[in-house]
Structure formats: C-alpha cells, structure tokens
Amino acid sequence: AANSVEAVFIPEADRGTLCISSQVGCALNCSFC
C-alpha cells in the first residue's frame, strides 16, 4: 500500500534487457543518483 518500484525494458536489435529493482529506495546515497 505504501511502496512501489520501477522496472525498465530496453529493446535492441540483438537483445532485450530488463532492469529490475532489489529494494524500495536505497541507503547508499550516491550523490548523482
């Protein structure tokens, strides 16, 4: 009810790549993220 994540599919001529999530948010606080 309180949390969502994103998944992104990138189609290319020779592959289809899916980026998926492992956590809701992140604790590492990379400055550009």
Full PDB file with SEQRES, HELIX, SHEET, SSBOND, CRYST1, ORIGX, SCALE, CONECT and MASTER records, all heavy atoms in Angstrom:
SEQRES   1 A   33  ALA ALA ASN SER VAL GLU ALA VAL PHE ILE PRO GLU ALA          
SEQRES   2 A   33  ASP ARG GLY THR LEU CYS ILE SER SER GLN VAL GLY CYS          
SEQRES   3 A   33  ALA LEU ASN CYS SER PHE CYS                                  
SHEET    1 AA1 2 VAL A   8  PRO A  11  0                                        
SHEET    2 AA1 2 GLY A  16  CYS A  19 -1                                        
CRYST1    1.000    1.000    1.000  90.00  90.00  90.00 P 1           1          
ORIGX1      1.000000  0.000000  0.000000        0.00000                         
ORIGX2      0.000000  1.000000  0.000000        0.00000                         
ORIGX3      0.000000  0.000000  1.000000        0.00000                         
SCALE1      1.000000  0.000000  0.000000        0.00000                         
SCALE2      0.000000  1.000000  0.000000        0.00000                         
SCALE3      0.000000  0.000000  1.000000        0.00000                         
ATOM      1  N   ALA A   1       0.809  -1.218   0.000  1.00  0.00           N  
ATOM      2  CA  ALA A   1       0.000   0.000   0.000  1.00  0.00           C  
ATOM      3  C   ALA A   1       0.841   1.267   0.000  1.00  0.00           C  
ATOM      4  O   ALA A   1       0.404   2.316  -0.488  1.00  0.00           O  
ATOM      5  CB  ALA A   1      -0.944  -0.007   1.209  1.00  0.00           C  
ATOM      6  N   ALA A   2       2.080   1.180   0.508  1.00  0.00           N  
ATOM      7  CA  ALA A   2       2.897   2.383   0.663  1.00  0.00           C  
ATOM      8  C   ALA A   2       4.115   2.429  -0.249  1.00  0.00           C  
ATOM      9  O   ALA A   2       4.787   3.457  -0.306  1.00  0.00           O  
ATOM     10  CB  ALA A   2       3.355   2.495   2.118  1.00  0.00           C  
ATOM     11  N   ASN A   3       4.412   1.347  -0.956  1.00  0.00           N  
ATOM     12  CA  ASN A   3       5.685   1.273  -1.669  1.00  0.00           C  
ATOM     13  C   ASN A   3       5.527   0.756  -3.088  1.00  0.00           C  
ATOM     14  O   ASN A   3       4.740  -0.159  -3.345  1.00  0.00           O  
ATOM     15  CB  ASN A   3       6.657   0.345  -0.921  1.00  0.00           C  
ATOM     16  CG  ASN A   3       7.056   0.895   0.431  1.00  0.00           C  
ATOM     17  OD1 ASN A   3       7.727   1.922   0.515  1.00  0.00           O  
ATOM     18  ND2 ASN A   3       6.651   0.214   1.492  1.00  0.00           N  
ATOM     19  N   SER A   4       6.319   1.346  -3.993  1.00  0.00           N  
ATOM     20  CA  SER A   4       6.365   0.910  -5.391  1.00  0.00           C  
ATOM     21  C   SER A   4       7.810   0.935  -5.870  1.00  0.00           C  
ATOM     22  O   SER A   4       8.661   1.627  -5.304  1.00  0.00           O  
ATOM     23  CB  SER A   4       5.511   1.823  -6.282  1.00  0.00           C  
ATOM     24  OG  SER A   4       4.152   1.777  -5.908  1.00  0.00           O  
ATOM     25  N   VAL A   5       8.089   0.175  -6.928  1.00  0.00           N  
ATOM     26  CA  VAL A   5       9.404   0.186  -7.565  1.00  0.00           C  
ATOM     27  C   VAL A   5       9.205   0.277  -9.070  1.00  0.00           C  
ATOM     28  O   VAL A   5       8.079   0.158  -9.568  1.00  0.00           O  
ATOM     29  CB  VAL A   5      10.228  -1.079  -7.226  1.00  0.00           C  
ATOM     30  CG1 VAL A   5      10.540  -1.131  -5.743  1.00  0.00           C  
ATOM     31  CG2 VAL A   5       9.527  -2.344  -7.694  1.00  0.00           C  
ATOM     32  N   GLU A   6      10.307   0.470  -9.790  1.00  0.00           N  
ATOM     33  CA  GLU A   6      10.245   0.552 -11.242  1.00  0.00           C  
ATOM     34  C   GLU A   6      11.050  -0.569 -11.881  1.00  0.00           C  
ATOM     35  O   GLU A   6      12.070  -1.012 -11.346  1.00  0.00           O  
ATOM     36  CB  GLU A   6      10.779   1.904 -11.727  1.00  0.00           C  
ATOM     37  CG  GLU A   6       9.898   3.079 -11.361  1.00  0.00           C  
ATOM     38  CD  GLU A   6      10.437   4.411 -11.871  1.00  0.00           C  
ATOM     39  OE1 GLU A   6      11.623   4.451 -12.280  1.00  0.00           O  
ATOM     40  OE2 GLU A   6       9.692   5.396 -11.859  1.00  0.00           O  
ATOM     41  N   ALA A   7      10.572  -1.001 -13.036  1.00  0.00           N  
ATOM     42  CA  ALA A   7      11.313  -1.921 -13.904  1.00  0.00           C  
ATOM     43  C   ALA A   7      11.307  -1.310 -15.296  1.00  0.00           C  
ATOM     44  O   ALA A   7      10.295  -0.740 -15.721  1.00  0.00           O  
ATOM     45  CB  ALA A   7      10.668  -3.305 -13.920  1.00  0.00           C  
ATOM     46  N   VAL A   8      12.438  -1.437 -16.005  1.00  0.00           N  
ATOM     47  CA  VAL A   8      12.580  -0.807 -17.320  1.00  0.00           C  
ATOM     48  C   VAL A   8      13.078  -1.840 -18.325  1.00  0.00           C  
ATOM     49  O   VAL A   8      14.073  -2.530 -18.073  1.00  0.00           O  
ATOM     50  CB  VAL A   8      13.551   0.393 -17.271  1.00  0.00           C  
ATOM     51  CG1 VAL A   8      13.785   0.953 -18.679  1.00  0.00           C  
ATOM     52  CG2 VAL A   8      13.013   1.484 -16.346  1.00  0.00           C  
ATOM     53  N   PHE A   9      12.381  -1.928 -19.466  1.00  0.00           N  
ATOM     54  CA  PHE A   9      12.767  -2.842 -20.541  1.00  0.00           C  
ATOM     55  C   PHE A   9      13.326  -2.030 -21.704  1.00  0.00           C  
ATOM     56  O   PHE A   9      12.704  -1.074 -22.179  1.00  0.00           O  
ATOM     57  CB  PHE A   9      11.570  -3.652 -21.019  1.00  0.00           C  
ATOM     58  CG  PHE A   9      11.877  -4.541 -22.197  1.00  0.00           C  
ATOM     59  CD1 PHE A   9      12.716  -5.628 -22.063  1.00  0.00           C  
ATOM     60  CD2 PHE A   9      11.315  -4.280 -23.438  1.00  0.00           C  
ATOM     61  CE1 PHE A   9      13.013  -6.445 -23.147  1.00  0.00           C  
ATOM     62  CE2 PHE A   9      11.597  -5.092 -24.533  1.00  0.00           C  
ATOM     63  CZ  PHE A   9      12.450  -6.175 -24.385  1.00  0.00           C  
ATOM     64  N   ILE A  10      14.535  -2.425 -22.162  1.00  0.00           N  
ATOM     65  CA  ILE A  10      15.219  -1.714 -23.238  1.00  0.00           C  
ATOM     66  C   ILE A  10      15.379  -2.670 -24.413  1.00  0.00           C  
ATOM     67  O   ILE A  10      16.220  -3.577 -24.373  1.00  0.00           O  
ATOM     68  CB  ILE A  10      16.596  -1.212 -22.773  1.00  0.00           C  
ATOM     69  CG1 ILE A  10      16.449  -0.326 -21.528  1.00  0.00           C  
ATOM     70  CG2 ILE A  10      17.295  -0.442 -23.889  1.00  0.00           C  
ATOM     71  CD1 ILE A  10      17.762  -0.025 -20.835  1.00  0.00           C  
ATOM     72  N   PRO A  11      14.589  -2.505 -25.460  1.00  0.00           N  
ATOM     73  CA  PRO A  11      14.712  -3.385 -26.620  1.00  0.00           C  
ATOM     74  C   PRO A  11      15.827  -2.926 -27.558  1.00  0.00           C  
ATOM     75  O   PRO A  11      16.001  -1.732 -27.806  1.00  0.00           O  
ATOM     76  CB  PRO A  11      13.342  -3.243 -27.295  1.00  0.00           C  
ATOM     77  CG  PRO A  11      12.891  -1.855 -26.935  1.00  0.00           C  
ATOM     78  CD  PRO A  11      13.476  -1.545 -25.588  1.00  0.00           C  
ATOM     79  N   GLU A  12      16.611  -3.884 -28.033  1.00  0.00           N  
ATOM     80  CA  GLU A  12      17.645  -3.617 -29.029  1.00  0.00           C  
ATOM     81  C   GLU A  12      17.574  -4.693 -30.091  1.00  0.00           C  
ATOM     82  O   GLU A  12      16.866  -5.700 -29.940  1.00  0.00           O  
ATOM     83  CB  GLU A  12      19.027  -3.589 -28.365  1.00  0.00           C  
ATOM     84  CG  GLU A  12      19.164  -2.478 -27.334  1.00  0.00           C  
ATOM     85  CD  GLU A  12      20.523  -2.473 -26.665  1.00  0.00           C  
ATOM     86  OE1 GLU A  12      21.457  -1.895 -27.249  1.00  0.00           O  
ATOM     87  OE2 GLU A  12      20.643  -3.049 -25.580  1.00  0.00           O  
ATOM     88  N   ALA A  13      18.314  -4.505 -31.163  1.00  0.00           N  
ATOM     89  CA  ALA A  13      18.221  -5.424 -32.290  1.00  0.00           C  
ATOM     90  C   ALA A  13      18.620  -6.845 -31.910  1.00  0.00           C  
ATOM     91  O   ALA A  13      18.031  -7.818 -32.390  1.00  0.00           O  
ATOM     92  CB  ALA A  13      19.087  -4.923 -33.443  1.00  0.00           C  
ATOM     93  N   ASP A  14      19.624  -6.972 -31.035  1.00  0.00           N  
ATOM     94  CA  ASP A  14      20.156  -8.301 -30.723  1.00  0.00           C  
ATOM     95  C   ASP A  14      19.846  -8.776 -29.312  1.00  0.00           C  
ATOM     96  O   ASP A  14      20.303  -9.836 -28.898  1.00  0.00           O  
ATOM     97  CB  ASP A  14      21.672  -8.322 -30.920  1.00  0.00           C  
ATOM     98  CG  ASP A  14      22.384  -7.309 -30.016  1.00  0.00           C  
ATOM     99  OD1 ASP A  14      21.717  -6.397 -29.500  1.00  0.00           O  
ATOM    100  OD2 ASP A  14      23.611  -7.447 -29.836  1.00  0.00           O  
ATOM    101  N   ARG A  15      19.075  -8.002 -28.551  1.00  0.00           N  
ATOM    102  CA  ARG A  15      18.764  -8.391 -27.182  1.00  0.00           C  
ATOM    103  C   ARG A  15      17.610  -7.556 -26.650  1.00  0.00           C  
ATOM    104  O   ARG A  15      17.277  -6.504 -27.211  1.00  0.00           O  
ATOM    105  CB  ARG A  15      19.985  -8.223 -26.276  1.00  0.00           C  
ATOM    106  CG  ARG A  15      20.334  -6.754 -25.972  1.00  0.00           C  
ATOM    107  CD  ARG A  15      21.610  -6.628 -25.196  1.00  0.00           C  
ATOM    108  NE  ARG A  15      22.764  -7.034 -25.995  1.00  0.00           N  
ATOM    109  CZ  ARG A  15      23.991  -7.135 -25.516  1.00  0.00           C  
ATOM    110  NH1 ARG A  15      24.238  -6.884 -24.250  1.00  0.00           N  
ATOM    111  NH2 ARG A  15      24.985  -7.484 -26.312  1.00  0.00           N  
ATOM    112  N   GLY A  16      17.059  -8.032 -25.552  1.00  0.00           N  
ATOM    113  CA  GLY A  16      16.069  -7.256 -24.816  1.00  0.00           C  
ATOM    114  C   GLY A  16      16.479  -7.263 -23.357  1.00  0.00           C  
ATOM    115  O   GLY A  16      16.518  -8.324 -22.725  1.00  0.00           O  
ATOM    116  N   THR A  17      16.832  -6.109 -22.822  1.00  0.00           N  
ATOM    117  CA  THR A  17      17.391  -6.023 -21.474  1.00  0.00           C  
ATOM    118  C   THR A  17      16.365  -5.462 -20.505  1.00  0.00           C  
ATOM    119  O   THR A  17      15.766  -4.413 -20.762  1.00  0.00           O  
ATOM    120  CB  THR A  17      18.649  -5.137 -21.458  1.00  0.00           C  
ATOM    121  OG1 THR A  17      19.619  -5.689 -22.348  1.00  0.00           O  
ATOM    122  CG2 THR A  17      19.242  -5.053 -20.059  1.00  0.00           C  
ATOM    123  N   LEU A  18      16.181  -6.146 -19.387  1.00  0.00           N  
ATOM    124  CA  LEU A  18      15.271  -5.697 -18.352  1.00  0.00           C  
ATOM    125  C   LEU A  18      16.065  -5.308 -17.111  1.00  0.00           C  
ATOM    126  O   LEU A  18      16.837  -6.110 -16.580  1.00  0.00           O  
ATOM    127  CB  LEU A  18      14.272  -6.806 -17.999  1.00  0.00           C  
ATOM    128  CG  LEU A  18      13.257  -6.448 -16.905  1.00  0.00           C  
ATOM    129  CD1 LEU A  18      12.328  -5.323 -17.356  1.00  0.00           C  
ATOM    130  CD2 LEU A  18      12.459  -7.675 -16.481  1.00  0.00           C  
ATOM    131  N   CYS A  19      15.890  -4.069 -16.662  1.00  0.00           N  
ATOM    132  CA  CYS A  19      16.491  -3.591 -15.421  1.00  0.00           C  
ATOM    133  C   CYS A  19      15.452  -3.696 -14.313  1.00  0.00           C  
ATOM    134  O   CYS A  19      14.361  -3.111 -14.441  1.00  0.00           O  
ATOM    135  CB  CYS A  19      16.955  -2.144 -15.562  1.00  0.00           C  
ATOM    136  SG  CYS A  19      18.224  -1.895 -16.825  1.00  0.00           S  
ATOM    137  N   ILE A  20      15.772  -4.441 -13.263  1.00  0.00           N  
ATOM    138  CA  ILE A  20      14.797  -4.620 -12.198  1.00  0.00           C  
ATOM    139  C   ILE A  20      15.387  -4.199 -10.855  1.00  0.00           C  
ATOM    140  O   ILE A  20      16.599  -4.079 -10.685  1.00  0.00           O  
ATOM    141  CB  ILE A  20      14.251  -6.062 -12.145  1.00  0.00           C  
ATOM    142  CG1 ILE A  20      15.351  -7.071 -11.858  1.00  0.00           C  
ATOM    143  CG2 ILE A  20      13.560  -6.403 -13.444  1.00  0.00           C  
ATOM    144  CD1 ILE A  20      14.819  -8.500 -11.819  1.00  0.00           C  
ATOM    145  N   SER A  21      14.511  -4.002  -9.892  1.00  0.00           N  
ATOM    146  CA  SER A  21      14.872  -3.431  -8.591  1.00  0.00           C  
ATOM    147  C   SER A  21      15.014  -4.523  -7.542  1.00  0.00           C  
ATOM    148  O   SER A  21      14.416  -5.600  -7.643  1.00  0.00           O  
ATOM    149  CB  SER A  21      13.804  -2.426  -8.144  1.00  0.00           C  
ATOM    150  OG  SER A  21      13.694  -1.348  -9.065  1.00  0.00           O  
ATOM    151  N   SER A  22      15.801  -4.217  -6.517  1.00  0.00           N  
ATOM    152  CA  SER A  22      16.005  -5.150  -5.412  1.00  0.00           C  
ATOM    153  C   SER A  22      15.533  -4.591  -4.073  1.00  0.00           C  
ATOM    154  O   SER A  22      15.353  -5.336  -3.112  1.00  0.00           O  
ATOM    155  CB  SER A  22      17.493  -5.515  -5.301  1.00  0.00           C  
ATOM    156  OG  SER A  22      18.275  -4.339  -5.156  1.00  0.00           O  
ATOM    157  N   GLN A  23      15.354  -3.277  -4.004  1.00  0.00           N  
ATOM    158  CA  GLN A  23      14.908  -2.617  -2.788  1.00  0.00           C  
ATOM    159  C   GLN A  23      13.973  -1.471  -3.141  1.00  0.00           C  
ATOM    160  O   GLN A  23      13.982  -0.975  -4.279  1.00  0.00           O  
ATOM    161  CB  GLN A  23      16.104  -2.046  -2.010  1.00  0.00           C  
ATOM    162  CG  GLN A  23      17.117  -3.080  -1.536  1.00  0.00           C  
ATOM    163  CD  GLN A  23      18.310  -2.432  -0.834  1.00  0.00           C  
ATOM    164  OE1 GLN A  23      18.861  -1.438  -1.306  1.00  0.00           O  
ATOM    165  NE2 GLN A  23      18.708  -2.986   0.303  1.00  0.00           N  
ATOM    166  N   VAL A  24      13.178  -1.060  -2.185  1.00  0.00           N  
ATOM    167  CA  VAL A  24      12.420   0.183  -2.331  1.00  0.00           C  
ATOM    168  C   VAL A  24      13.296   1.294  -1.771  1.00  0.00           C  
ATOM    169  O   VAL A  24      13.572   1.347  -0.576  1.00  0.00           O  
ATOM    170  CB  VAL A  24      11.078   0.139  -1.574  1.00  0.00           C  
ATOM    171  CG1 VAL A  24      10.320   1.445  -1.788  1.00  0.00           C  
ATOM    172  CG2 VAL A  24      10.246  -1.045  -2.027  1.00  0.00           C  
ATOM    173  N   GLY A  25      13.777   2.167  -2.669  1.00  0.00           N  
ATOM    174  CA  GLY A  25      14.740   3.169  -2.265  1.00  0.00           C  
ATOM    175  C   GLY A  25      16.121   2.560  -2.135  1.00  0.00           C  
ATOM    176  O   GLY A  25      16.375   1.424  -2.547  1.00  0.00           O  
ATOM    177  N   CYS A  26      17.034   3.322  -1.545  1.00  0.00           N  
ATOM    178  CA  CYS A  26      18.413   2.838  -1.391  1.00  0.00           C  
ATOM    179  C   CYS A  26      19.073   3.614  -0.250  1.00  0.00           C  
ATOM    180  O   CYS A  26      18.855   4.818  -0.107  1.00  0.00           O  
ATOM    181  CB  CYS A  26      19.199   3.032  -2.685  1.00  0.00           C  
ATOM    182  SG  CYS A  26      20.880   2.344  -2.633  1.00  0.00           S  
ATOM    183  N   ALA A  27      19.884   2.897   0.518  1.00  0.00           N  
ATOM    184  CA  ALA A  27      20.536   3.516   1.673  1.00  0.00           C  
ATOM    185  C   ALA A  27      21.913   4.080   1.363  1.00  0.00           C  
ATOM    186  O   ALA A  27      22.527   4.710   2.229  1.00  0.00           O  
ATOM    187  CB  ALA A  27      20.659   2.479   2.793  1.00  0.00           C  
ATOM    188  N   LEU A  28      22.416   3.897   0.143  1.00  0.00           N  
ATOM    189  CA  LEU A  28      23.814   4.229  -0.130  1.00  0.00           C  
ATOM    190  C   LEU A  28      24.040   5.696  -0.467  1.00  0.00           C  
ATOM    191  O   LEU A  28      25.162   6.179  -0.397  1.00  0.00           O  
ATOM    192  CB  LEU A  28      24.355   3.336  -1.249  1.00  0.00           C  
ATOM    193  CG  LEU A  28      24.375   1.846  -0.917  1.00  0.00           C  
ATOM    194  CD1 LEU A  28      25.132   1.078  -1.978  1.00  0.00           C  
ATOM    195  CD2 LEU A  28      24.992   1.578   0.459  1.00  0.00           C  
ATOM    196  N   ASN A  29      23.012   6.401  -0.897  1.00  0.00           N  
ATOM    197  CA  ASN A  29      23.080   7.855  -1.057  1.00  0.00           C  
ATOM    198  C   ASN A  29      24.186   8.317  -2.001  1.00  0.00           C  
ATOM    199  O   ASN A  29      24.892   9.292  -1.716  1.00  0.00           O  
ATOM    200  CB  ASN A  29      23.242   8.538   0.309  1.00  0.00           C  
ATOM    201  CG  ASN A  29      22.903  10.019   0.254  1.00  0.00           C  
ATOM    202  OD1 ASN A  29      22.066  10.440  -0.560  1.00  0.00           O  
ATOM    203  ND2 ASN A  29      23.520  10.809   1.103  1.00  0.00           N  
ATOM    204  N   CYS A  30      24.348   7.627  -3.127  1.00  0.00           N  
ATOM    205  CA  CYS A  30      25.279   8.119  -4.144  1.00  0.00           C  
ATOM    206  C   CYS A  30      24.818   9.502  -4.600  1.00  0.00           C  
ATOM    207  O   CYS A  30      23.627   9.718  -4.858  1.00  0.00           O  
ATOM    208  CB  CYS A  30      25.351   7.148  -5.316  1.00  0.00           C  
ATOM    209  SG  CYS A  30      26.002   5.511  -4.855  1.00  0.00           S  
ATOM    210  N   SER A  31      25.744  10.419  -4.718  1.00  0.00           N  
ATOM    211  CA  SER A  31      25.359  11.826  -4.839  1.00  0.00           C  
ATOM    212  C   SER A  31      24.690  12.160  -6.161  1.00  0.00           C  
ATOM    213  O   SER A  31      23.976  13.159  -6.255  1.00  0.00           O  
ATOM    214  CB  SER A  31      26.595  12.716  -4.646  1.00  0.00           C  
ATOM    215  OG  SER A  31      27.532  12.494  -5.684  1.00  0.00           O  
ATOM    216  N   PHE A  32      24.891  11.350  -7.205  1.00  0.00           N  
ATOM    217  CA  PHE A  32      24.327  11.631  -8.523  1.00  0.00           C  
ATOM    218  C   PHE A  32      23.090  10.802  -8.814  1.00  0.00           C  
ATOM    219  O   PHE A  32      22.571  10.822  -9.931  1.00  0.00           O  
ATOM    220  CB  PHE A  32      25.377  11.327  -9.603  1.00  0.00           C  
ATOM    221  CG  PHE A  32      25.915   9.926  -9.515  1.00  0.00           C  
ATOM    222  CD1 PHE A  32      25.256   8.879 -10.118  1.00  0.00           C  
ATOM    223  CD2 PHE A  32      27.057   9.672  -8.779  1.00  0.00           C  
ATOM    224  CE1 PHE A  32      25.735   7.585  -9.994  1.00  0.00           C  
ATOM    225  CE2 PHE A  32      27.547   8.376  -8.663  1.00  0.00           C  
ATOM    226  CZ  PHE A  32      26.879   7.336  -9.273  1.00  0.00           C  
ATOM    227  N   CYS A  33      22.589  10.062  -7.806  1.00  0.00           N  
ATOM    228  CA  CYS A  33      21.517   9.085  -8.022  1.00  0.00           C  
ATOM    229  C   CYS A  33      20.194   9.581  -7.468  1.00  0.00           C  
ATOM    230  O   CYS A  33      20.083   9.920  -6.283  1.00  0.00           O  
ATOM    231  CB  CYS A  33      21.899   7.755  -7.370  1.00  0.00           C  
ATOM    232  SG  CYS A  33      20.626   6.485  -7.520  1.00  0.00           S  
TER     233      CYS A  33                                                      
MASTER        0    0    0    0    2    0    0    6  232    1    0    3          
END                                                                             
